[in-house]
């Protein structure tokens, strides 16, 4: 999805505002598995995924990767607490496919928030959406069965199982790969 279309779908920007806002974003091609942010680095950019899929993850003490989020086309991607607080990130950000993203720095985003009321509105709407997603995932992990969490993920990311390694999906859902395999086999049997 093009940046202008994405922004217009959320807030109806006047043409002159939209042109100025877009000029602050940089379109970047990112290779598969390239880290955008590493643990301990300050996340200096907010990304909008145009093409591709990304994820944020952290490393446990034993070195095991735990996926926190997936980011697909039309979603903003960042280590949010690092980006807004300018603290070292607890997470890694990487693209899982060759991708195209739009990026904006914290300084430029703040400038646009100060310049345009519609950008403040966009920020508020996106913050509400992100907070809702965080609460929904937390509720899924705390209150749902493994099967319900899998269905929740498919609702959020309909084609993710065709694009992402199953190990990443299992860690995102807080289950083992064996449990995920059993759920997927049961799903296949139920469709037959």
Protein backbone atom coordinates (compact mmCIF):
# COMPACT_ATOMS: atom_id res chain seq x y z
CA UNK A 1 0.00 0.00 0.00
CA UNK A 2 1.38 3.38 -0.93
CA UNK A 3 2.09 5.77 1.92
CA UNK A 4 -0.34 8.44 0.70
CA UNK A 5 -3.19 5.91 0.43
CA UNK A 6 -2.46 4.52 3.86
CA UNK A 7 -2.45 7.93 5.54
CA UNK A 8 -5.59 9.06 3.66
CA UNK A 9 -7.44 5.92 4.80
CA UNK A 10 -6.93 6.95 8.42
CA UNK A 11 -7.24 10.75 8.26
CA UNK A 12 -8.46 12.82 5.27
CA UNK A 13 -5.43 15.06 4.80
CA UNK A 14 -5.66 18.10 2.51
CA UNK A 15 -3.47 17.58 -0.56
CA UNK A 16 -0.94 20.28 0.43
CA UNK A 17 -0.49 18.81 3.93
CA UNK A 18 -0.15 15.29 2.57
CA UNK A 19 2.57 16.27 0.11
CA UNK A 20 4.61 17.92 2.87
CA UNK A 21 4.11 15.01 5.28
CA UNK A 22 5.18 12.42 2.71
CA UNK A 23 8.36 14.40 2.00
CA UNK A 24 9.56 13.54 5.54
CA UNK A 25 9.34 9.79 4.95
CA UNK A 26 12.09 7.80 3.25
CA UNK A 27 11.26 4.76 1.10
CA UNK A 28 13.73 1.96 1.82
CA UNK A 29 14.29 -1.51 0.41
CA UNK A 30 15.27 -3.94 3.15
CA UNK A 31 16.80 -7.38 2.57
CA UNK A 32 15.37 -10.47 4.21
CA UNK A 33 16.73 -11.10 7.74
CA UNK A 34 18.36 -7.67 7.92
CA UNK A 35 18.05 -6.24 11.42
CA UNK A 36 16.56 -2.76 11.57
CA UNK A 37 17.22 -2.49 15.31
CA UNK A 38 19.26 -4.66 17.66
CA UNK A 39 18.78 -5.11 21.37
CA UNK A 40 20.58 -2.29 23.19
CA UNK A 41 20.35 0.17 20.28
CA UNK A 42 18.07 3.19 20.41
CA UNK A 43 15.34 2.79 17.78
CA UNK A 44 15.62 5.99 15.76
CA UNK A 45 12.89 5.33 13.16
CA UNK A 46 9.25 4.41 12.83
CA UNK A 47 8.58 2.19 9.80
CA UNK A 48 5.47 1.59 7.73
CA UNK A 49 5.56 -1.73 5.88
CA UNK A 50 4.66 -1.31 2.20
CA UNK A 51 5.72 -4.81 1.12
CA UNK A 52 6.93 -7.69 3.24
CA UNK A 53 6.62 -8.97 6.76
CA UNK A 54 8.69 -8.13 9.81
CA UNK A 55 8.86 -9.12 13.43
CA UNK A 56 10.08 -7.90 16.78
CA UNK A 57 11.66 -10.41 19.12
CA UNK A 58 13.84 -10.72 22.19
CA UNK A 59 16.39 -13.26 23.34
CA UNK A 60 15.93 -15.28 26.49
CA UNK A 61 18.95 -16.01 28.68
CA UNK A 62 19.39 -19.38 26.94
CA UNK A 63 19.53 -17.61 23.55
CA UNK A 64 16.04 -18.70 22.47
CA UNK A 65 14.21 -16.11 20.33
CA UNK A 66 10.72 -15.09 21.45
CA UNK A 67 8.62 -13.28 18.85
CA UNK A 68 6.70 -10.35 20.29
CA UNK A 69 4.92 -9.05 17.16
CA UNK A 70 4.57 -9.53 13.44
CA UNK A 71 4.21 -6.54 11.13
CA UNK A 72 2.62 -6.89 7.69
CA UNK A 73 1.70 -4.55 4.86
CA UNK A 74 -0.04 -1.41 6.06
CA UNK A 75 1.25 -1.65 9.64
CA UNK A 76 3.67 0.58 11.49
CA UNK A 77 6.70 -1.17 12.92
CA UNK A 78 9.08 0.00 15.62
CA UNK A 79 10.45 -0.77 19.03
CA UNK A 80 7.84 1.60 20.38
CA UNK A 81 9.16 2.21 23.88
CA UNK A 82 12.67 2.78 22.51
CA UNK A 83 11.47 5.04 19.69
CA UNK A 84 9.31 7.31 21.84
CA UNK A 85 11.43 7.30 25.01
CA UNK A 86 14.78 7.20 23.15
CA UNK A 87 15.97 4.41 25.45
CA UNK A 88 17.93 1.31 24.38
CA UNK A 89 15.62 -1.26 22.82
CA UNK A 90 14.85 -4.52 24.58
CA UNK A 91 13.94 -6.00 21.20
CA UNK A 92 15.33 -6.77 17.78
CA UNK A 93 13.42 -5.71 14.65
CA UNK A 94 13.95 -7.58 11.41
CA UNK A 95 12.28 -8.15 8.07
CA UNK A 96 11.48 -11.79 7.28
CA UNK A 97 11.10 -11.18 3.55
CA UNK A 98 12.74 -8.83 1.09
CA UNK A 99 10.69 -5.76 1.91
CA UNK A 100 9.90 -2.15 1.19
CA UNK A 101 9.27 0.20 4.11
CA UNK A 102 8.73 3.90 4.64
CA UNK A 103 10.66 5.35 7.58
CA UNK A 104 10.53 8.56 9.57
CA UNK A 105 12.77 9.76 12.39
CA UNK A 106 11.47 10.73 15.81
CA UNK A 107 12.53 14.34 15.23
CA UNK A 108 10.64 14.58 11.94
CA UNK A 109 7.56 12.91 13.39
CA UNK A 110 7.53 15.39 16.28
CA UNK A 111 7.92 18.25 13.80
CA UNK A 112 4.89 17.00 11.82
CA UNK A 113 2.85 16.54 15.01
CA UNK A 114 3.59 20.17 15.91
CA UNK A 115 2.87 21.44 12.40
CA UNK A 116 -0.35 19.60 11.54
CA UNK A 117 -3.38 18.88 13.70
CA UNK A 118 -4.24 15.99 11.36
CA UNK A 119 -0.89 14.35 12.16
CA UNK A 120 -1.68 14.58 15.87
CA UNK A 121 -5.02 12.93 15.10
CA UNK A 122 -3.22 10.21 13.11
CA UNK A 123 -0.86 9.63 16.03
CA UNK A 124 -3.75 9.37 18.48
CA UNK A 125 -5.66 6.92 16.28
CA UNK A 126 -2.59 4.76 15.69
CA UNK A 127 -1.73 4.80 19.41
CA UNK A 128 -5.25 3.66 20.23
CA UNK A 129 -5.00 0.88 17.64
CA UNK A 130 -1.63 -0.29 18.98
CA UNK A 131 -2.83 -0.23 22.58
CA UNK A 132 -5.88 -2.26 21.59
CA UNK A 133 -3.67 -4.81 19.82
CA UNK A 134 -1.44 -5.10 22.91
CA UNK A 135 -4.43 -5.64 25.20
CA UNK A 136 -6.00 -8.17 22.79
CA UNK A 137 -2.77 -10.18 22.60
CA UNK A 138 -2.30 -10.06 26.37
CA UNK A 139 -5.89 -11.24 26.85
CA UNK A 140 -5.34 -14.04 24.33
CA UNK A 141 -2.19 -15.25 26.09
CA UNK A 142 -3.80 -15.05 29.55
CA UNK A 143 -7.31 -16.32 28.92
CA UNK A 144 -7.48 -18.35 25.72
CA UNK A 145 -6.64 -21.94 24.92
CA UNK A 146 -3.82 -22.69 22.49
CA UNK A 147 -6.39 -23.29 19.73
CA UNK A 148 -8.15 -19.98 20.46
CA UNK A 149 -4.80 -18.13 20.38
CA UNK A 150 -4.03 -19.71 17.00
CA UNK A 151 -7.42 -18.60 15.65
CA UNK A 152 -6.83 -15.10 17.09
CA UNK A 153 -3.49 -14.92 15.25
CA UNK A 154 -5.08 -16.04 11.96
CA UNK A 155 -7.68 -13.32 12.37
CA UNK A 156 -4.91 -10.72 12.91
CA UNK A 157 -2.56 -12.08 10.21
CA UNK A 158 -4.58 -14.26 7.77
CA UNK A 159 -1.68 -15.47 5.59
CA UNK A 160 1.11 -15.45 8.18
CA UNK A 161 1.49 -19.25 8.25
CA UNK A 162 2.52 -19.14 4.57
CA UNK A 163 5.10 -16.40 5.13
CA UNK A 164 6.78 -17.03 8.50
CA UNK A 165 8.68 -19.94 10.07
CA UNK A 166 6.47 -22.00 12.37
CA UNK A 167 8.96 -21.58 15.22
CA UNK A 168 8.37 -17.82 15.13
CA UNK A 169 4.62 -18.38 15.17
CA UNK A 170 4.82 -20.80 18.10
CA UNK A 171 6.88 -18.35 20.18
CA UNK A 172 4.48 -15.50 19.29
CA UNK A 173 1.58 -17.61 20.54
CA UNK A 174 3.40 -18.74 23.69
CA UNK A 175 3.36 -22.44 22.80
CA UNK A 176 5.72 -25.16 21.66
CA UNK A 177 6.13 -26.09 18.00
CA UNK A 178 4.66 -29.51 18.84
CA UNK A 179 1.46 -27.91 20.17
CA UNK A 180 1.27 -25.70 17.09
CA UNK A 181 1.72 -28.74 14.82
CA UNK A 182 -1.10 -30.60 16.60
CA UNK A 183 -3.42 -27.60 16.19
CA UNK A 184 -2.57 -27.28 12.50
CA UNK A 185 -3.07 -31.03 11.90
CA UNK A 186 -6.45 -30.90 13.64
CA UNK A 187 -7.39 -27.89 11.49
CA UNK A 188 -6.43 -29.79 8.32
CA UNK A 189 -8.48 -32.84 9.41
CA UNK A 190 -11.50 -30.64 10.20
CA UNK A 191 -11.37 -29.10 6.70
CA UNK A 192 -11.26 -32.53 5.03
